[in-house]
PDB file of N, CA and C in Angstrom:
ATOM      1  N   UNK A   1     -13.882  -2.923  27.841  1.00  0.00           N
ATOM      2  CA  UNK A   1     -12.697  -3.849  27.723  1.00  0.00           C
ATOM      3  C   UNK A   1     -12.157  -3.965  26.417  1.00  0.00           C
ATOM      4  N   UNK A   2     -13.145  -3.963  25.347  1.00  0.00           N
ATOM      5  CA  UNK A   2     -12.618  -4.085  23.996  1.00  0.00           C
ATOM      6  C   UNK A   2     -11.867  -2.894  23.522  1.00  0.00           C
ATOM      7  N   UNK A   3     -12.174  -1.697  23.956  1.00  0.00           N
ATOM      8  CA  UNK A   3     -11.452  -0.510  23.605  1.00  0.00           C
ATOM      9  C   UNK A   3     -10.079  -0.507  24.238  1.00  0.00           C
ATOM     10  N   UNK A   4      -9.960  -1.003  25.429  1.00  0.00           N
ATOM     11  CA  UNK A   4      -8.639  -1.057  26.042  1.00  0.00           C
ATOM     12  C   UNK A   4      -7.747  -2.091  25.284  1.00  0.00           C
ATOM     13  N   UNK A   5      -8.414  -3.218  24.845  1.00  0.00           N
ATOM     14  CA  UNK A   5      -7.647  -4.099  24.045  1.00  0.00           C
ATOM     15  C   UNK A   5      -7.083  -3.594  22.786  1.00  0.00           C
ATOM     16  N   UNK A   6      -7.904  -2.766  22.093  1.00  0.00           N
ATOM     17  CA  UNK A   6      -7.545  -2.208  20.786  1.00  0.00           C
ATOM     18  C   UNK A   6      -6.523  -1.135  21.059  1.00  0.00           C
ATOM     19  N   UNK A   7      -6.577  -0.351  22.104  1.00  0.00           N
ATOM     20  CA  UNK A   7      -5.537   0.702  22.415  1.00  0.00           C
ATOM     21  C   UNK A   7      -4.238  -0.003  22.621  1.00  0.00           C
ATOM     22  N   UNK A   8      -4.185  -1.172  23.274  1.00  0.00           N
ATOM     23  CA  UNK A   8      -2.893  -1.763  23.575  1.00  0.00           C
ATOM     24  C   UNK A   8      -2.460  -2.728  22.509  1.00  0.00           C
ATOM     25  N   UNK A   9      -3.324  -3.327  21.675  1.00  0.00           N
ATOM     26  CA  UNK A   9      -3.019  -4.281  20.645  1.00  0.00           C
ATOM     27  C   UNK A   9      -2.387  -3.676  19.499  1.00  0.00           C
ATOM     28  N   UNK A  10      -2.923  -2.722  18.905  1.00  0.00           N
ATOM     29  CA  UNK A  10      -2.376  -2.056  17.787  1.00  0.00           C
ATOM     30  C   UNK A  10      -1.012  -1.470  17.849  1.00  0.00           C
ATOM     31  N   UNK A  11      -0.682  -0.660  18.971  1.00  0.00           N
ATOM     32  CA  UNK A  11       0.677  -0.247  19.022  1.00  0.00           C
ATOM     33  C   UNK A  11       1.721  -1.374  19.267  1.00  0.00           C
ATOM     34  N   UNK A  12       1.258  -2.373  19.885  1.00  0.00           N
ATOM     35  CA  UNK A  12       2.266  -3.491  20.100  1.00  0.00           C
ATOM     36  C   UNK A  12       2.511  -4.122  18.649  1.00  0.00           C
ATOM     37  N   UNK A  13       1.492  -4.428  17.949  1.00  0.00           N
ATOM     38  CA  UNK A  13       1.700  -5.050  16.580  1.00  0.00           C
ATOM     39  C   UNK A  13       2.493  -4.073  15.755  1.00  0.00           C
ATOM     40  N   UNK A  14       2.298  -2.760  15.784  1.00  0.00           N
ATOM     41  CA  UNK A  14       3.004  -1.814  15.026  1.00  0.00           C
ATOM     42  C   UNK A  14       4.527  -1.905  15.416  1.00  0.00           C
ATOM     43  N   UNK A  15       4.883  -1.959  16.612  1.00  0.00           N
ATOM     44  CA  UNK A  15       6.222  -2.034  17.076  1.00  0.00           C
ATOM     45  C   UNK A  15       6.893  -3.283  16.594  1.00  0.00           C
ATOM     46  N   UNK A  16       6.196  -4.372  16.735  1.00  0.00           N
ATOM     47  CA  UNK A  16       6.633  -5.683  16.322  1.00  0.00           C
ATOM     48  C   UNK A  16       6.983  -5.652  14.797  1.00  0.00           C
ATOM     49  N   UNK A  17       6.041  -5.059  14.004  1.00  0.00           N
ATOM     50  CA  UNK A  17       6.186  -4.885  12.552  1.00  0.00           C
ATOM     51  C   UNK A  17       7.355  -4.040  12.203  1.00  0.00           C
ATOM     52  N   UNK A  18       7.643  -3.005  12.989  1.00  0.00           N
ATOM     53  CA  UNK A  18       8.713  -2.093  12.667  1.00  0.00           C
ATOM     54  C   UNK A  18      10.050  -2.444  13.123  1.00  0.00           C
ATOM     55  N   UNK A  19      10.219  -3.428  14.002  1.00  0.00           N
ATOM     56  CA  UNK A  19      11.466  -3.907  14.535  1.00  0.00           C
ATOM     57  C   UNK A  19      12.502  -4.304  13.254  1.00  0.00           C
ATOM     58  N   UNK A  20      12.003  -5.138  12.383  1.00  0.00           N
ATOM     59  CA  UNK A  20      12.923  -5.547  11.329  1.00  0.00           C
ATOM     60  C   UNK A  20      13.415  -4.366  10.474  1.00  0.00           C
ATOM     61  N   UNK A  21      12.473  -3.470  10.213  1.00  0.00           N
ATOM     62  CA  UNK A  21      12.824  -2.176   9.400  1.00  0.00           C
ATOM     63  C   UNK A  21      13.842  -1.325  10.175  1.00  0.00           C
ATOM     64  N   UNK A  22      13.761  -1.225  11.427  1.00  0.00           N
ATOM     65  CA  UNK A  22      14.789  -0.495  12.203  1.00  0.00           C
ATOM     66  C   UNK A  22      16.095  -1.257  12.245  1.00  0.00           C
ATOM     67  N   UNK A  23      16.089  -2.563  12.351  1.00  0.00           N
ATOM     68  CA  UNK A  23      17.321  -3.301  12.327  1.00  0.00           C
ATOM     69  C   UNK A  23      18.076  -3.223  11.055  1.00  0.00           C
ATOM     70  N   UNK A  24      17.290  -3.299   9.983  1.00  0.00           N
ATOM     71  CA  UNK A  24      17.909  -3.078   8.676  1.00  0.00           C
ATOM     72  C   UNK A  24      18.413  -1.676   8.460  1.00  0.00           C
ATOM     73  N   UNK A  25      17.613  -0.664   8.790  1.00  0.00           N
ATOM     74  CA  UNK A  25      18.022   0.735   8.607  1.00  0.00           C
ATOM     75  C   UNK A  25      19.234   1.045   9.410  1.00  0.00           C
ATOM     76  N   UNK A  26      19.452   0.531  10.532  1.00  0.00           N
ATOM     77  CA  UNK A  26      20.469   0.891  11.373  1.00  0.00           C
ATOM     78  C   UNK A  26      21.697  -0.063  11.264  1.00  0.00           C
ATOM     79  N   UNK A  27      21.608  -1.128  10.438  1.00  0.00           N
ATOM     80  CA  UNK A  27      22.693  -2.113  10.194  1.00  0.00           C
ATOM     81  C   UNK A  27      23.798  -1.540   9.362  1.00  0.00           C
ATOM     82  N   UNK A  28      24.939  -2.033   9.620  1.00  0.00           N
ATOM     83  CA  UNK A  28      26.125  -1.553   8.838  1.00  0.00           C
ATOM     84  C   UNK A  28      26.512  -2.711   7.783  1.00  0.00           C
ATOM     85  N   UNK A  29      25.656  -3.792   7.764  1.00  0.00           N
ATOM     86  CA  UNK A  29      25.932  -4.816   6.737  1.00  0.00           C
ATOM     87  C   UNK A  29      25.765  -4.374   5.357  1.00  0.00           C
ATOM     88  N   UNK A  30      24.844  -3.497   5.088  1.00  0.00           N
ATOM     89  CA  UNK A  30      24.499  -3.083   3.777  1.00  0.00           C
ATOM     90  C   UNK A  30      24.375  -1.577   3.703  1.00  0.00           C
ATOM     91  N   UNK A  31      24.470  -0.991   2.551  1.00  0.00           N
ATOM     92  CA  UNK A  31      24.316   0.466   2.508  1.00  0.00           C
ATOM     93  C   UNK A  31      23.682   0.785   1.136  1.00  0.00           C
ATOM     94  N   UNK A  32      23.227   2.077   0.962  1.00  0.00           N
ATOM     95  CA  UNK A  32      22.629   2.530  -0.275  1.00  0.00           C
ATOM     96  C   UNK A  32      21.424   1.921  -0.813  1.00  0.00           C
ATOM     97  N   UNK A  33      21.499   1.529  -2.050  1.00  0.00           N
ATOM     98  CA  UNK A  33      20.390   0.978  -2.794  1.00  0.00           C
ATOM     99  C   UNK A  33      20.140  -0.445  -2.301  1.00  0.00           C
ATOM    100  N   UNK A  34      21.130  -1.232  -1.831  1.00  0.00           N
ATOM    101  CA  UNK A  34      20.989  -2.476  -1.364  1.00  0.00           C
ATOM    102  C   UNK A  34      20.130  -2.469  -0.042  1.00  0.00           C
ATOM    103  N   UNK A  35      20.402  -1.536   0.804  1.00  0.00           N
ATOM    104  CA  UNK A  35      19.668  -1.324   2.029  1.00  0.00           C
ATOM    105  C   UNK A  35      18.130  -1.043   1.768  1.00  0.00           C
ATOM    106  N   UNK A  36      18.032  -0.179   0.734  1.00  0.00           N
ATOM    107  CA  UNK A  36      16.631   0.267   0.366  1.00  0.00           C
ATOM    108  C   UNK A  36      15.904  -0.982  -0.171  1.00  0.00           C
ATOM    109  N   UNK A  37      16.567  -1.774  -0.962  1.00  0.00           N
ATOM    110  CA  UNK A  37      15.979  -2.953  -1.515  1.00  0.00           C
ATOM    111  C   UNK A  37      15.451  -3.894  -0.364  1.00  0.00           C
ATOM    112  N   UNK A  38      16.321  -4.169   0.595  1.00  0.00           N
ATOM    113  CA  UNK A  38      15.986  -4.957   1.689  1.00  0.00           C
ATOM    114  C   UNK A  38      14.860  -4.465   2.471  1.00  0.00           C
ATOM    115  N   UNK A  39      14.790  -3.106   2.659  1.00  0.00           N
ATOM    116  CA  UNK A  39      13.649  -2.588   3.380  1.00  0.00           C
ATOM    117  C   UNK A  39      12.297  -2.696   2.685  1.00  0.00           C
ATOM    118  N   UNK A  40      12.513  -2.565   1.342  1.00  0.00           N
ATOM    119  CA  UNK A  40      11.237  -2.715   0.570  1.00  0.00           C
ATOM    120  C   UNK A  40      10.759  -4.161   0.558  1.00  0.00           C
ATOM    121  N   UNK A  41      11.673  -5.043   0.559  1.00  0.00           N
ATOM    122  CA  UNK A  41      11.337  -6.451   0.675  1.00  0.00           C
ATOM    123  C   UNK A  41      10.600  -6.784   1.962  1.00  0.00           C
ATOM    124  N   UNK A  42      11.135  -6.197   2.985  1.00  0.00           N
ATOM    125  CA  UNK A  42      10.575  -6.394   4.291  1.00  0.00           C
ATOM    126  C   UNK A  42       9.087  -5.849   4.396  1.00  0.00           C
ATOM    127  N   UNK A  43       8.886  -4.637   3.787  1.00  0.00           N
ATOM    128  CA  UNK A  43       7.682  -4.017   3.770  1.00  0.00           C
ATOM    129  C   UNK A  43       6.625  -4.944   3.028  1.00  0.00           C
ATOM    130  N   UNK A  44       7.009  -5.451   1.822  1.00  0.00           N
ATOM    131  CA  UNK A  44       6.120  -6.147   1.016  1.00  0.00           C
ATOM    132  C   UNK A  44       6.013  -7.669   1.251  1.00  0.00           C
ATOM    133  N   UNK A  45       7.102  -8.240   1.746  1.00  0.00           N
ATOM    134  CA  UNK A  45       7.128  -9.702   1.920  1.00  0.00           C
ATOM    135  C   UNK A  45       7.026 -10.045   3.379  1.00  0.00           C
ATOM    136  N   UNK A  46       7.350  -9.027   4.250  1.00  0.00           N
ATOM    137  CA  UNK A  46       7.240  -9.217   5.666  1.00  0.00           C
ATOM    138  C   UNK A  46       8.451  -9.859   6.282  1.00  0.00           C
ATOM    139  N   UNK A  47       8.248 -10.687   7.340  1.00  0.00           N
ATOM    140  CA  UNK A  47       9.277 -11.311   8.208  1.00  0.00           C
ATOM    141  C   UNK A  47      10.088 -12.207   7.392  1.00  0.00           C
ATOM    142  N   UNK A  48       9.652 -12.923   6.410  1.00  0.00           N
ATOM    143  CA  UNK A  48      10.524 -13.839   5.586  1.00  0.00           C
ATOM    144  C   UNK A  48      11.810 -13.131   5.034  1.00  0.00           C
ATOM    145  N   UNK A  49      11.523 -11.898   4.476  1.00  0.00           N
ATOM    146  CA  UNK A  49      12.615 -11.151   3.916  1.00  0.00           C
ATOM    147  C   UNK A  49      13.582 -10.701   5.026  1.00  0.00           C
ATOM    148  N   UNK A  50      13.112 -10.493   6.268  1.00  0.00           N
ATOM    149  CA  UNK A  50      14.054 -10.060   7.280  1.00  0.00           C
ATOM    150  C   UNK A  50      14.996 -11.150   7.698  1.00  0.00           C
ATOM    151  N   UNK A  51      14.361 -12.411   7.811  1.00  0.00           N
ATOM    152  CA  UNK A  51      15.206 -13.670   8.035  1.00  0.00           C
ATOM    153  C   UNK A  51      16.206 -13.840   6.929  1.00  0.00           C
ATOM    154  N   UNK A  52      15.824 -13.656   5.711  1.00  0.00           N
ATOM    155  CA  UNK A  52      16.833 -13.772   4.620  1.00  0.00           C
ATOM    156  C   UNK A  52      17.868 -12.585   4.728  1.00  0.00           C
ATOM    157  N   UNK A  53      17.454 -11.435   5.117  1.00  0.00           N
ATOM    158  CA  UNK A  53      18.489 -10.438   5.421  1.00  0.00           C
ATOM    159  C   UNK A  53      19.501 -10.823   6.360  1.00  0.00           C
ATOM    160  N   UNK A  54      19.011 -11.352   7.484  1.00  0.00           N
ATOM    161  CA  UNK A  54      19.955 -11.781   8.467  1.00  0.00           C
ATOM    162  C   UNK A  54      20.897 -12.858   8.057  1.00  0.00           C
ATOM    163  N   UNK A  55      20.422 -13.737   7.147  1.00  0.00           N
ATOM    164  CA  UNK A  55      21.207 -14.846   6.735  1.00  0.00           C
ATOM    165  C   UNK A  55      22.130 -14.493   5.498  1.00  0.00           C
ATOM    166  N   UNK A  56      21.745 -13.662   4.614  1.00  0.00           N
ATOM    167  CA  UNK A  56      22.421 -13.497   3.397  1.00  0.00           C
ATOM    168  C   UNK A  56      23.113 -12.057   3.137  1.00  0.00           C
ATOM    169  N   UNK A  57      22.656 -11.019   3.842  1.00  0.00           N
ATOM    170  CA  UNK A  57      23.231  -9.845   3.611  1.00  0.00           C
ATOM    171  C   UNK A  57      24.685  -9.670   4.067  1.00  0.00           C
ATOM    172  N   UNK A  58      25.562  -8.973   3.384  1.00  0.00           N
ATOM    173  CA  UNK A  58      25.417  -8.338   2.148  1.00  0.00           C
ATOM    174  C   UNK A  58      25.560  -9.274   1.066  1.00  0.00           C
ATOM    175  N   UNK A  59      24.826  -8.955  -0.043  1.00  0.00           N
ATOM    176  CA  UNK A  59      24.913  -9.845  -1.238  1.00  0.00           C
ATOM    177  C   UNK A  59      26.178  -9.799  -1.933  1.00  0.00           C
ATOM    178  N   UNK A  60      26.793  -8.745  -1.867  1.00  0.00           N
ATOM    179  CA  UNK A  60      28.243  -8.676  -2.565  1.00  0.00           C
ATOM    180  C   UNK A  60      29.265  -8.330  -1.454  1.00  0.00           C
ATOM    181  N   UNK A  61      30.403  -8.940  -1.731  1.00  0.00           N
ATOM    182  CA  UNK A  61      31.584  -8.672  -0.729  1.00  0.00           C
ATOM    183  C   UNK A  61      31.902  -7.184  -0.713  1.00  0.00           C
ATOM    184  N   UNK A  62      32.227  -6.635   0.447  1.00  0.00           N
ATOM    185  CA  UNK A  62      32.675  -5.355   0.602  1.00  0.00           C
ATOM    186  C   UNK A  62      34.164  -5.368   0.489  1.00  0.00           C
ATOM    187  N   UNK A  63      34.655  -4.242  -0.080  1.00  0.00           N
ATOM    188  CA  UNK A  63      36.245  -4.149  -0.335  1.00  0.00           C
ATOM    189  C   UNK A  63      36.818  -3.490   0.785  1.00  0.00           C
TER     190      UNK A  63
END
């Protein structure tokens, strides 16, 4: 039973962890180095950075 739990648990956690990265990577709110910075923030700071991305991106107005 423990092995089945491990087989199901880790892929589910990985998908949940990758969702914010995919949303930022596919978003049209930001581009270029700003998008890379947001992705790095999500990798190193986790979900808090993703919440900030949803609230504050883009940091500068697009023309």
